[in-house]
């Protein structure tokens, strides 16, 4: 996990990274998270539609799933 020359590909690696940190006292390097990229692409697509006059932009953006973030901010 520490080799910078190897790209590690995960889907939603937050829990995996936390487990490695907690149980093995290490952290991952050079990681690509497909879940994070999917969220970014979805939000950029919605932003582009908004720029082109999509009136329901705010409704669509609020339905984007952000694993972990939704749980974090649901307390407030």
PDB file of N, CA and C in Angstrom:
ATOM      1  N   UNK A   1       0.808  -1.202   0.000  1.00  0.00           N
ATOM      2  CA  UNK A   1       0.000   0.000   0.000  1.00  0.00           C
ATOM      3  C   UNK A   1       0.851   1.267   0.000  1.00  0.00           C
ATOM      4  N   UNK A   2       2.101   1.155   0.388  1.00  0.00           N
ATOM      5  CA  UNK A   2       2.953   2.335   0.489  1.00  0.00           C
ATOM      6  C   UNK A   2       3.744   2.632  -0.778  1.00  0.00           C
ATOM      7  N   UNK A   3       3.719   1.746  -1.759  1.00  0.00           N
ATOM      8  CA  UNK A   3       4.490   1.927  -2.982  1.00  0.00           C
ATOM      9  C   UNK A   3       3.831   2.974  -3.871  1.00  0.00           C
ATOM     10  N   UNK A   4       4.489   4.113  -4.048  1.00  0.00           N
ATOM     11  CA  UNK A   4       3.943   5.197  -4.865  1.00  0.00           C
ATOM     12  C   UNK A   4       3.899   4.867  -6.351  1.00  0.00           C
ATOM     13  N   UNK A   5       4.667   3.889  -6.792  1.00  0.00           N
ATOM     14  CA  UNK A   5       4.715   3.568  -8.215  1.00  0.00           C
ATOM     15  C   UNK A   5       3.520   2.714  -8.658  1.00  0.00           C
ATOM     16  N   UNK A   6       2.731   2.234  -7.717  1.00  0.00           N
ATOM     17  CA  UNK A   6       1.556   1.411  -8.026  1.00  0.00           C
ATOM     18  C   UNK A   6       0.298   2.182  -7.688  1.00  0.00           C
ATOM     19  N   UNK A   7      -0.599   2.312  -8.677  1.00  0.00           N
ATOM     20  CA  UNK A   7      -1.879   2.972  -8.438  1.00  0.00           C
ATOM     21  C   UNK A   7      -2.845   1.943  -7.859  1.00  0.00           C
ATOM     22  N   UNK A   8      -3.433   2.281  -6.722  1.00  0.00           N
ATOM     23  CA  UNK A   8      -4.425   1.415  -6.086  1.00  0.00           C
ATOM     24  C   UNK A   8      -5.807   1.946  -6.440  1.00  0.00           C
ATOM     25  N   UNK A   9      -6.658   1.118  -7.052  1.00  0.00           N
ATOM     26  CA  UNK A   9      -7.984   1.542  -7.478  1.00  0.00           C
ATOM     27  C   UNK A   9      -9.011   0.927  -6.543  1.00  0.00           C
ATOM     28  N   UNK A  10      -9.831   1.800  -5.957  1.00  0.00           N
ATOM     29  CA  UNK A  10     -10.875   1.377  -5.022  1.00  0.00           C
ATOM     30  C   UNK A  10     -12.202   2.014  -5.416  1.00  0.00           C
ATOM     31  N   UNK A  11     -13.254   1.457  -4.915  1.00  0.00           N
ATOM     32  CA  UNK A  11     -14.560   2.104  -4.988  1.00  0.00           C
ATOM     33  C   UNK A  11     -14.977   2.403  -3.558  1.00  0.00           C
ATOM     34  N   UNK A  12     -14.991   3.674  -3.211  1.00  0.00           N
ATOM     35  CA  UNK A  12     -15.325   4.143  -1.861  1.00  0.00           C
ATOM     36  C   UNK A  12     -14.357   3.547  -0.839  1.00  0.00           C
ATOM     37  N   UNK A  13     -13.122   4.029  -0.877  1.00  0.00           N
ATOM     38  CA  UNK A  13     -12.046   3.438  -0.067  1.00  0.00           C
ATOM     39  C   UNK A  13     -11.907   4.056   1.326  1.00  0.00           C
ATOM     40  N   UNK A  14     -12.836   4.892   1.728  1.00  0.00           N
ATOM     41  CA  UNK A  14     -12.686   5.553   3.033  1.00  0.00           C
ATOM     42  C   UNK A  14     -12.593   4.557   4.181  1.00  0.00           C
ATOM     43  N   UNK A  15     -13.441   3.560   4.187  1.00  0.00           N
ATOM     44  CA  UNK A  15     -13.432   2.583   5.284  1.00  0.00           C
ATOM     45  C   UNK A  15     -12.199   1.687   5.213  1.00  0.00           C
ATOM     46  N   UNK A  16     -11.794   1.332   3.997  1.00  0.00           N
ATOM     47  CA  UNK A  16     -10.587   0.519   3.848  1.00  0.00           C
ATOM     48  C   UNK A  16      -9.364   1.287   4.347  1.00  0.00           C
ATOM     49  N   UNK A  17      -9.270   2.553   3.966  1.00  0.00           N
ATOM     50  CA  UNK A  17      -8.142   3.374   4.406  1.00  0.00           C
ATOM     51  C   UNK A  17      -8.123   3.556   5.913  1.00  0.00           C
ATOM     52  N   UNK A  18      -9.297   3.759   6.492  1.00  0.00           N
ATOM     53  CA  UNK A  18      -9.389   3.913   7.942  1.00  0.00           C
ATOM     54  C   UNK A  18      -8.971   2.627   8.656  1.00  0.00           C
ATOM     55  N   UNK A  19      -9.419   1.485   8.135  1.00  0.00           N
ATOM     56  CA  UNK A  19      -9.054   0.201   8.742  1.00  0.00           C
ATOM     57  C   UNK A  19      -7.545  -0.028   8.665  1.00  0.00           C
ATOM     58  N   UNK A  20      -6.939   0.257   7.529  1.00  0.00           N
ATOM     59  CA  UNK A  20      -5.488   0.102   7.408  1.00  0.00           C
ATOM     60  C   UNK A  20      -4.760   1.012   8.388  1.00  0.00           C
ATOM     61  N   UNK A  21      -5.264   2.219   8.525  1.00  0.00           N
ATOM     62  CA  UNK A  21      -4.632   3.171   9.445  1.00  0.00           C
ATOM     63  C   UNK A  21      -4.761   2.708  10.899  1.00  0.00           C
ATOM     64  N   UNK A  22      -5.943   2.265  11.273  1.00  0.00           N
ATOM     65  CA  UNK A  22      -6.206   1.883  12.662  1.00  0.00           C
ATOM     66  C   UNK A  22      -5.524   0.572  13.062  1.00  0.00           C
ATOM     67  N   UNK A  23      -5.595  -0.438  12.186  1.00  0.00           N
ATOM     68  CA  UNK A  23      -5.122  -1.767  12.563  1.00  0.00           C
ATOM     69  C   UNK A  23      -3.674  -2.056  12.181  1.00  0.00           C
ATOM     70  N   UNK A  24      -3.179  -1.362  11.153  1.00  0.00           N
ATOM     71  CA  UNK A  24      -1.813  -1.639  10.702  1.00  0.00           C
ATOM     72  C   UNK A  24      -0.898  -0.424  10.817  1.00  0.00           C
ATOM     73  N   UNK A  25      -1.448   0.684  11.320  1.00  0.00           N
ATOM     74  CA  UNK A  25      -0.678   1.912  11.506  1.00  0.00           C
ATOM     75  C   UNK A  25       0.018   2.345  10.207  1.00  0.00           C
ATOM     76  N   UNK A  26      -0.739   2.307   9.099  1.00  0.00           N
ATOM     77  CA  UNK A  26      -0.215   2.701   7.797  1.00  0.00           C
ATOM     78  C   UNK A  26      -1.316   3.419   7.028  1.00  0.00           C
ATOM     79  N   UNK A  27      -0.941   4.021   5.935  1.00  0.00           N
ATOM     80  CA  UNK A  27      -1.943   4.656   5.089  1.00  0.00           C
ATOM     81  C   UNK A  27      -1.608   4.390   3.626  1.00  0.00           C
ATOM     82  N   UNK A  28      -2.627   4.473   2.785  1.00  0.00           N
ATOM     83  CA  UNK A  28      -2.461   4.190   1.368  1.00  0.00           C
ATOM     84  C   UNK A  28      -1.881   5.406   0.659  1.00  0.00           C
ATOM     85  N   UNK A  29      -1.118   5.147  -0.391  1.00  0.00           N
ATOM     86  CA  UNK A  29      -0.569   6.202  -1.239  1.00  0.00           C
ATOM     87  C   UNK A  29      -0.927   5.904  -2.680  1.00  0.00           C
ATOM     88  N   UNK A  30      -1.105   6.978  -3.451  1.00  0.00           N
ATOM     89  CA  UNK A  30      -1.398   6.869  -4.879  1.00  0.00           C
ATOM     90  C   UNK A  30      -2.676   6.061  -5.111  1.00  0.00           C
ATOM     91  N   UNK A  31      -3.778   6.553  -4.563  1.00  0.00           N
ATOM     92  CA  UNK A  31      -5.073   5.870  -4.621  1.00  0.00           C
ATOM     93  C   UNK A  31      -6.010   6.608  -5.570  1.00  0.00           C
ATOM     94  N   UNK A  32      -6.748   5.860  -6.380  1.00  0.00           N
ATOM     95  CA  UNK A  32      -7.798   6.411  -7.232  1.00  0.00           C
ATOM     96  C   UNK A  32      -9.113   5.829  -6.749  1.00  0.00           C
ATOM     97  N   UNK A  33     -10.041   6.706  -6.344  1.00  0.00           N
ATOM     98  CA  UNK A  33     -11.337   6.279  -5.814  1.00  0.00           C
ATOM     99  C   UNK A  33     -12.405   6.483  -6.884  1.00  0.00           C
ATOM    100  N   UNK A  34     -12.945   5.393  -7.431  1.00  0.00           N
ATOM    101  CA  UNK A  34     -13.947   5.495  -8.494  1.00  0.00           C
ATOM    102  C   UNK A  34     -15.246   6.121  -7.995  1.00  0.00           C
ATOM    103  N   UNK A  35     -15.567   5.935  -6.736  1.00  0.00           N
ATOM    104  CA  UNK A  35     -16.777   6.530  -6.165  1.00  0.00           C
ATOM    105  C   UNK A  35     -16.668   8.053  -6.160  1.00  0.00           C
ATOM    106  N   UNK A  36     -15.536   8.554  -5.741  1.00  0.00           N
ATOM    107  CA  UNK A  36     -15.320  10.003  -5.733  1.00  0.00           C
ATOM    108  C   UNK A  36     -15.381  10.582  -7.129  1.00  0.00           C
ATOM    109  N   UNK A  37     -14.829   9.877  -8.102  1.00  0.00           N
ATOM    110  CA  UNK A  37     -14.857  10.354  -9.485  1.00  0.00           C
ATOM    111  C   UNK A  37     -16.280  10.356 -10.022  1.00  0.00           C
ATOM    112  N   UNK A  38     -17.069   9.346  -9.675  1.00  0.00           N
ATOM    113  CA  UNK A  38     -18.460   9.298 -10.110  1.00  0.00           C
ATOM    114  C   UNK A  38     -19.248  10.488  -9.565  1.00  0.00           C
ATOM    115  N   UNK A  39     -19.023  10.823  -8.320  1.00  0.00           N
ATOM    116  CA  UNK A  39     -19.699  11.972  -7.719  1.00  0.00           C
ATOM    117  C   UNK A  39     -19.286  13.260  -8.428  1.00  0.00           C
ATOM    118  N   UNK A  40     -17.995  13.409  -8.702  1.00  0.00           N
ATOM    119  CA  UNK A  40     -17.515  14.598  -9.381  1.00  0.00           C
ATOM    120  C   UNK A  40     -18.127  14.731 -10.772  1.00  0.00           C
ATOM    121  N   UNK A  41     -18.147  13.654 -11.540  1.00  0.00           N
ATOM    122  CA  UNK A  41     -18.714  13.694 -12.889  1.00  0.00           C
ATOM    123  C   UNK A  41     -20.197  14.038 -12.849  1.00  0.00           C
ATOM    124  N   UNK A  42     -20.928  13.444 -11.917  1.00  0.00           N
ATOM    125  CA  UNK A  42     -22.360  13.730 -11.775  1.00  0.00           C
ATOM    126  C   UNK A  42     -22.591  15.200 -11.456  1.00  0.00           C
ATOM    127  N   UNK A  43     -21.816  15.752 -10.541  1.00  0.00           N
ATOM    128  CA  UNK A  43     -21.996  17.141 -10.165  1.00  0.00           C
ATOM    129  C   UNK A  43     -21.600  18.090 -11.294  1.00  0.00           C
ATOM    130  N   UNK A  44     -20.554  17.766 -12.029  1.00  0.00           N
ATOM    131  CA  UNK A  44     -20.167  18.590 -13.171  1.00  0.00           C
ATOM    132  C   UNK A  44     -21.233  18.563 -14.261  1.00  0.00           C
ATOM    133  N   UNK A  45     -21.840  17.401 -14.470  1.00  0.00           N
ATOM    134  CA  UNK A  45     -22.924  17.284 -15.440  1.00  0.00           C
ATOM    135  C   UNK A  45     -24.113  18.148 -15.023  1.00  0.00           C
ATOM    136  N   UNK A  46     -24.463  18.104 -13.757  1.00  0.00           N
ATOM    137  CA  UNK A  46     -25.570  18.925 -13.263  1.00  0.00           C
ATOM    138  C   UNK A  46     -25.241  20.413 -13.368  1.00  0.00           C
ATOM    139  N   UNK A  47     -24.011  20.781 -13.093  1.00  0.00           N
ATOM    140  CA  UNK A  47     -23.591  22.174 -13.210  1.00  0.00           C
ATOM    141  C   UNK A  47     -23.715  22.649 -14.656  1.00  0.00           C
ATOM    142  N   UNK A  48     -23.297  21.803 -15.607  1.00  0.00           N
ATOM    143  CA  UNK A  48     -23.387  22.169 -17.017  1.00  0.00           C
ATOM    144  C   UNK A  48     -24.841  22.364 -17.434  1.00  0.00           C
ATOM    145  N   UNK A  49     -25.730  21.481 -16.966  1.00  0.00           N
ATOM    146  CA  UNK A  49     -27.151  21.627 -17.289  1.00  0.00           C
ATOM    147  C   UNK A  49     -27.704  22.919 -16.701  1.00  0.00           C
ATOM    148  N   UNK A  50     -27.259  23.285 -15.510  1.00  0.00           N
ATOM    149  CA  UNK A  50     -27.718  24.518 -14.870  1.00  0.00           C
ATOM    150  C   UNK A  50     -27.275  25.731 -15.682  1.00  0.00           C
ATOM    151  N   UNK A  51     -26.048  25.693 -16.152  1.00  0.00           N
ATOM    152  CA  UNK A  51     -25.541  26.799 -16.963  1.00  0.00           C
ATOM    153  C   UNK A  51     -26.341  26.942 -18.251  1.00  0.00           C
ATOM    154  N   UNK A  52     -26.912  25.844 -18.732  1.00  0.00           N
ATOM    155  CA  UNK A  52     -27.679  25.864 -19.975  1.00  0.00           C
ATOM    156  C   UNK A  52     -29.169  26.089 -19.725  1.00  0.00           C
ATOM    157  N   UNK A  53     -29.536  26.505 -18.519  1.00  0.00           N
ATOM    158  CA  UNK A  53     -30.919  26.880 -18.242  1.00  0.00           C
ATOM    159  C   UNK A  53     -31.780  25.813 -17.609  1.00  0.00           C
ATOM    160  N   UNK A  54     -31.209  24.815 -16.973  1.00  0.00           N
ATOM    161  CA  UNK A  54     -31.984  23.773 -16.305  1.00  0.00           C
ATOM    162  C   UNK A  54     -32.483  24.324 -14.976  1.00  0.00           C
ATOM    163  N   UNK A  55     -33.795  24.528 -14.856  1.00  0.00           N
ATOM    164  CA  UNK A  55     -34.384  25.151 -13.655  1.00  0.00           C
ATOM    165  C   UNK A  55     -34.417  24.228 -12.445  1.00  0.00           C
ATOM    166  N   UNK A  56     -34.295  22.930 -12.658  1.00  0.00           N
ATOM    167  CA  UNK A  56     -34.406  21.994 -11.535  1.00  0.00           C
ATOM    168  C   UNK A  56     -33.029  21.604 -11.000  1.00  0.00           C
ATOM    169  N   UNK A  57     -32.030  22.431 -11.265  1.00  0.00           N
ATOM    170  CA  UNK A  57     -30.657  22.117 -10.854  1.00  0.00           C
ATOM    171  C   UNK A  57     -30.555  21.846  -9.356  1.00  0.00           C
ATOM    172  N   UNK A  58     -31.110  22.708  -8.525  1.00  0.00           N
ATOM    173  CA  UNK A  58     -30.992  22.532  -7.078  1.00  0.00           C
ATOM    174  C   UNK A  58     -31.642  21.235  -6.613  1.00  0.00           C
ATOM    175  N   UNK A  59     -32.766  20.869  -7.179  1.00  0.00           N
ATOM    176  CA  UNK A  59     -33.411  19.604  -6.814  1.00  0.00           C
ATOM    177  C   UNK A  59     -32.550  18.410  -7.207  1.00  0.00           C
ATOM    178  N   UNK A  60     -31.951  18.452  -8.379  1.00  0.00           N
ATOM    179  CA  UNK A  60     -31.108  17.354  -8.829  1.00  0.00           C
ATOM    180  C   UNK A  60     -29.845  17.263  -7.979  1.00  0.00           C
ATOM    181  N   UNK A  61     -29.239  18.398  -7.696  1.00  0.00           N
ATOM    182  CA  UNK A  61     -28.002  18.387  -6.926  1.00  0.00           C
ATOM    183  C   UNK A  61     -28.226  17.853  -5.517  1.00  0.00           C
ATOM    184  N   UNK A  62     -29.389  18.159  -4.942  1.00  0.00           N
ATOM    185  CA  UNK A  62     -29.652  17.681  -3.585  1.00  0.00           C
ATOM    186  C   UNK A  62     -29.866  16.172  -3.540  1.00  0.00           C
ATOM    187  N   UNK A  63     -30.145  15.557  -4.690  1.00  0.00           N
ATOM    188  CA  UNK A  63     -30.354  14.105  -4.713  1.00  0.00           C
ATOM    189  C   UNK A  63     -29.069  13.327  -4.986  1.00  0.00           C
ATOM    190  N   UNK A  64     -27.963  14.028  -5.229  1.00  0.00           N
ATOM    191  CA  UNK A  64     -26.690  13.348  -5.469  1.00  0.00           C
ATOM    192  C   UNK A  64     -26.243  12.682  -4.181  1.00  0.00           C
ATOM    193  N   UNK A  65     -25.925  11.416  -4.270  1.00  0.00           N
ATOM    194  CA  UNK A  65     -25.504  10.654  -3.095  1.00  0.00           C
ATOM    195  C   UNK A  65     -24.025  10.896  -2.824  1.00  0.00           C
ATOM    196  N   UNK A  66     -23.709  11.320  -1.637  1.00  0.00           N
ATOM    197  CA  UNK A  66     -22.335  11.520  -1.191  1.00  0.00           C
ATOM    198  C   UNK A  66     -22.109  10.616   0.013  1.00  0.00           C
ATOM    199  N   UNK A  67     -21.697   9.373  -0.221  1.00  0.00           N
ATOM    200  CA  UNK A  67     -21.533   8.447   0.904  1.00  0.00           C
ATOM    201  C   UNK A  67     -20.651   9.034   1.993  1.00  0.00           C
ATOM    202  N   UNK A  68     -21.133   8.977   3.197  1.00  0.00           N
ATOM    203  CA  UNK A  68     -20.371   9.506   4.323  1.00  0.00           C
ATOM    204  C   UNK A  68     -20.694  10.955   4.612  1.00  0.00           C
ATOM    205  N   UNK A  69     -20.722  11.792   3.589  1.00  0.00           N
ATOM    206  CA  UNK A  69     -21.024  13.204   3.795  1.00  0.00           C
ATOM    207  C   UNK A  69     -22.468  13.396   4.213  1.00  0.00           C
ATOM    208  N   UNK A  70     -23.383  12.638   3.580  1.00  0.00           N
ATOM    209  CA  UNK A  70     -24.788  12.751   3.962  1.00  0.00           C
ATOM    210  C   UNK A  70     -24.968  12.400   5.437  1.00  0.00           C
ATOM    211  N   UNK A  71     -24.301  11.340   5.890  1.00  0.00           N
ATOM    212  CA  UNK A  71     -24.393  10.931   7.289  1.00  0.00           C
ATOM    213  C   UNK A  71     -23.775  11.981   8.198  1.00  0.00           C
ATOM    214  N   UNK A  72     -22.660  12.546   7.775  1.00  0.00           N
ATOM    215  CA  UNK A  72     -21.957  13.522   8.585  1.00  0.00           C
ATOM    216  C   UNK A  72     -22.802  14.760   8.828  1.00  0.00           C
ATOM    217  N   UNK A  73     -23.438  15.266   7.771  1.00  0.00           N
ATOM    218  CA  UNK A  73     -24.183  16.516   7.896  1.00  0.00           C
ATOM    219  C   UNK A  73     -25.638  16.312   8.326  1.00  0.00           C
ATOM    220  N   UNK A  74     -26.095  15.065   8.418  1.00  0.00           N
ATOM    221  CA  UNK A  74     -27.469  14.843   8.833  1.00  0.00           C
ATOM    222  C   UNK A  74     -27.694  15.211  10.299  1.00  0.00           C
ATOM    223  N   UNK A  75     -26.600  15.346  11.073  1.00  0.00           N
ATOM    224  CA  UNK A  75     -26.724  15.713  12.479  1.00  0.00           C
ATOM    225  C   UNK A  75     -27.067  17.188  12.655  1.00  0.00           C
ATOM    226  N   UNK A  76     -26.803  17.989  11.628  1.00  0.00           N
ATOM    227  CA  UNK A  76     -26.932  19.452  11.787  1.00  0.00           C
ATOM    228  C   UNK A  76     -28.188  19.993  11.200  1.00  0.00           C
TER     229      UNK A  76
END
